[in-house]
Amino acid sequence: MPPRDQPASNLVVSKELETLAHSLDGLFRVPGTDWRFGLDALVGLIPGVGDAVTSVASFTILLGAVRHRVPKIVILRMAMNLAIDYVVGSIPFLGDAFDFVWKANQKNMTLLRAHVGQSRGGAGDYAFVIGIVVALVGVLIGCAAVALWLLTTFWQTLTS
């Protein structure tokens, strides 16, 4: 990481984060178009597991925002992008289509690049992001519980 006194304009977002965001949201191109999608949309097709797996990978970009000293309010916006991606992405069929359009990781990388180095960063920022991640994991568990309840209710209706 560059020294803290280096101007933000000279800071560069790590190549690993750029690669991760590209892999999740823009790895593949639909032939004959400029439309791109990534592993988030593909893995999200696996019911119940896909969105959870890609959400965990997306948390890496959120933590990278702290490492690059992005202001907390921007980190909160990034977390909201992930929450929208996960909650809507969890809805069968509609969520799968949504994953091909909503590119939370690319949105977050745009926010990260625009705000890199604007705050001092520190232990409080990590605690803030850990709190956000815990809240997002709570949303993830809540959605999984609702999905399990719906499947159980549906199964009981079919077998009655």
Protein backbone atom coordinates (compact mmCIF):
# COMPACT_ATOMS: atom_id res chain seq x y z
CA MET A 1 0.00 0.00 0.00
CA PRO A 2 1.35 3.48 -0.81
CA PRO A 3 2.39 5.82 1.98
CA ARG A 4 -0.44 7.78 3.66
CA ASP A 5 0.95 11.14 2.55
CA GLN A 6 0.80 10.21 -1.15
CA PRO A 7 -1.92 12.13 -3.06
CA ALA A 8 -5.08 10.15 -3.87
CA SER A 9 -4.61 10.82 -7.59
CA ASN A 10 -1.44 8.70 -7.49
CA LEU A 11 -3.10 5.76 -5.75
CA VAL A 12 -4.03 2.77 -7.85
CA VAL A 13 -6.64 0.20 -6.93
CA SER A 14 -5.05 -3.22 -6.58
CA LYS A 15 -5.06 -5.42 -9.67
CA GLU A 16 -6.55 -8.30 -7.65
CA LEU A 17 -9.70 -6.30 -6.89
CA GLU A 18 -10.03 -5.20 -10.51
CA THR A 19 -9.65 -8.82 -11.65
CA LEU A 20 -12.17 -10.07 -9.08
CA ALA A 21 -14.80 -7.49 -10.10
CA HIS A 22 -14.24 -8.27 -13.79
CA SER A 23 -14.54 -12.03 -13.15
CA LEU A 24 -17.75 -11.62 -11.16
CA ASP A 25 -19.49 -9.14 -13.47
CA GLY A 26 -17.88 -8.98 -16.91
CA LEU A 27 -15.85 -12.11 -17.70
CA PHE A 28 -17.97 -13.29 -20.63
CA ARG A 29 -19.34 -11.39 -23.62
CA VAL A 30 -22.48 -12.29 -25.52
CA PRO A 31 -21.29 -12.79 -29.12
CA GLY A 32 -22.23 -9.97 -31.47
CA THR A 33 -23.02 -7.56 -28.63
CA ASP A 34 -21.24 -5.41 -26.05
CA TRP A 35 -23.28 -7.09 -23.30
CA ARG A 36 -21.13 -8.75 -20.64
CA PHE A 37 -21.83 -10.96 -17.65
CA GLY A 38 -19.69 -12.81 -15.17
CA LEU A 39 -19.48 -15.61 -12.67
CA ASP A 40 -21.99 -13.86 -10.40
CA ALA A 41 -24.74 -14.42 -12.95
CA LEU A 42 -23.66 -17.99 -13.73
CA VAL A 43 -23.03 -19.24 -10.20
CA GLY A 44 -26.21 -17.43 -9.10
CA LEU A 45 -28.18 -19.94 -11.19
CA ILE A 46 -27.46 -22.59 -8.53
CA PRO A 47 -30.49 -22.35 -6.23
CA GLY A 48 -29.78 -21.41 -2.63
CA VAL A 49 -26.00 -21.54 -2.88
CA GLY A 50 -24.92 -19.50 -5.89
CA ASP A 51 -25.77 -16.03 -4.61
CA ALA A 52 -24.24 -16.80 -1.21
CA VAL A 53 -20.94 -17.93 -2.74
CA THR A 54 -20.60 -14.87 -4.96
CA SER A 55 -21.60 -12.56 -2.09
CA VAL A 56 -18.69 -13.86 -0.04
CA ALA A 57 -16.35 -13.09 -2.95
CA SER A 58 -17.87 -9.60 -3.19
CA PHE A 59 -17.00 -8.93 0.47
CA THR A 60 -13.36 -8.91 -0.63
CA ILE A 61 -13.98 -5.73 -2.61
CA LEU A 62 -15.70 -4.20 0.42
CA LEU A 63 -12.67 -4.95 2.58
CA GLY A 64 -10.44 -3.60 -0.18
CA ALA A 65 -12.29 -0.29 0.13
CA VAL A 66 -11.06 -0.01 3.72
CA ARG A 67 -7.54 -0.90 2.67
CA HIS A 68 -7.69 1.88 0.06
CA ARG A 69 -9.04 4.36 2.65
CA VAL A 70 -12.49 4.93 1.13
CA PRO A 71 -14.87 7.03 3.31
CA LYS A 72 -17.38 5.09 5.42
CA ILE A 73 -20.40 6.55 3.64
CA VAL A 74 -19.07 5.20 0.33
CA ILE A 75 -18.45 1.81 1.96
CA LEU A 76 -22.08 1.87 3.10
CA ARG A 77 -23.21 2.57 -0.49
CA MET A 78 -21.07 -0.35 -1.63
CA ALA A 79 -22.68 -2.60 1.00
CA MET A 80 -26.14 -1.55 -0.22
CA ASN A 81 -25.16 -2.56 -3.77
CA LEU A 82 -24.23 -5.99 -2.44
CA ALA A 83 -27.42 -6.27 -0.39
CA ILE A 84 -29.58 -5.42 -3.42
CA ASP A 85 -27.61 -7.91 -5.52
CA TYR A 86 -28.10 -10.66 -2.95
CA VAL A 87 -31.72 -10.06 -1.96
CA VAL A 88 -33.10 -9.59 -5.49
CA GLY A 89 -30.71 -12.23 -6.86
CA SER A 90 -32.21 -14.76 -4.43
CA ILE A 91 -35.67 -14.54 -6.00
CA PRO A 92 -36.14 -17.52 -8.35
CA PHE A 93 -36.15 -16.63 -12.07
CA LEU A 94 -36.45 -12.85 -11.53
CA GLY A 95 -33.24 -12.87 -9.50
CA ASP A 96 -31.40 -14.84 -12.16
CA ALA A 97 -32.33 -12.27 -14.80
CA PHE A 98 -31.44 -9.45 -12.40
CA ASP A 99 -27.94 -10.92 -11.88
CA PHE A 100 -27.24 -10.52 -15.59
CA VAL A 101 -28.08 -6.80 -15.43
CA TRP A 102 -27.13 -5.53 -11.94
CA LYS A 103 -23.36 -5.43 -11.71
CA ALA A 104 -22.78 -4.67 -8.03
CA ASN A 105 -19.07 -5.44 -8.14
CA GLN A 106 -18.43 -3.12 -11.08
CA LYS A 107 -20.51 -0.41 -9.37
CA ASN A 108 -18.44 -0.90 -6.23
CA MET A 109 -15.16 -0.72 -8.12
CA THR A 110 -16.31 2.55 -9.72
CA LEU A 111 -17.07 3.92 -6.25
CA LEU A 112 -13.76 2.63 -4.90
CA ARG A 113 -11.75 4.20 -7.74
CA ALA A 114 -13.56 7.53 -7.36
CA HIS A 115 -12.98 7.76 -3.61
CA VAL A 116 -9.67 5.95 -3.05
CA GLY A 117 -7.49 7.58 -0.40
CA GLN A 118 -10.06 10.15 0.75
CA SER A 119 -10.13 9.17 4.41
CA ARG A 120 -7.50 8.27 6.93
CA GLY A 121 -8.68 4.70 7.50
CA GLY A 122 -7.88 2.64 10.54
CA ALA A 123 -9.25 0.15 13.05
CA GLY A 124 -12.61 1.94 13.24
CA ASP A 125 -13.09 1.52 9.50
CA TYR A 126 -12.41 -2.21 9.73
CA ALA A 127 -14.89 -2.50 12.61
CA PHE A 128 -17.45 -0.60 10.52
CA VAL A 129 -17.00 -2.92 7.54
CA ILE A 130 -17.06 -6.02 9.76
CA GLY A 131 -20.38 -4.75 11.15
CA ILE A 132 -21.71 -4.32 7.62
CA VAL A 133 -20.52 -7.80 6.63
CA VAL A 134 -22.22 -9.28 9.72
CA ALA A 135 -25.44 -7.47 8.77
CA LEU A 136 -25.18 -8.73 5.18
CA VAL A 137 -24.57 -12.28 6.43
CA GLY A 138 -27.70 -11.84 8.58
CA VAL A 139 -29.63 -10.89 5.44
CA LEU A 140 -28.17 -13.93 3.70
CA ILE A 141 -29.23 -16.25 6.54
CA GLY A 142 -32.67 -14.62 6.70
CA CYS A 143 -33.24 -15.11 2.98
CA ALA A 144 -32.09 -18.73 3.22
CA ALA A 145 -34.49 -19.33 6.14
CA VAL A 146 -37.42 -17.83 4.22
CA ALA A 147 -36.54 -19.90 1.15
CA LEU A 148 -36.36 -23.06 3.26
CA TRP A 149 -39.70 -22.25 4.89
CA LEU A 150 -41.31 -21.65 1.48
CA LEU A 151 -39.93 -24.91 0.09
CA THR A 152 -41.09 -26.84 3.17
CA THR A 153 -44.57 -25.30 2.97
CA PHE A 154 -44.74 -26.01 -0.75
CA TRP A 155 -43.64 -29.62 -0.22
CA GLN A 156 -46.17 -30.16 2.55
CA THR A 157 -48.92 -28.75 0.32
CA LEU A 158 -47.96 -31.12 -2.49
CA THR A 159 -47.79 -34.19 -0.26
CA SER A 160 -51.03 -33.48 1.65
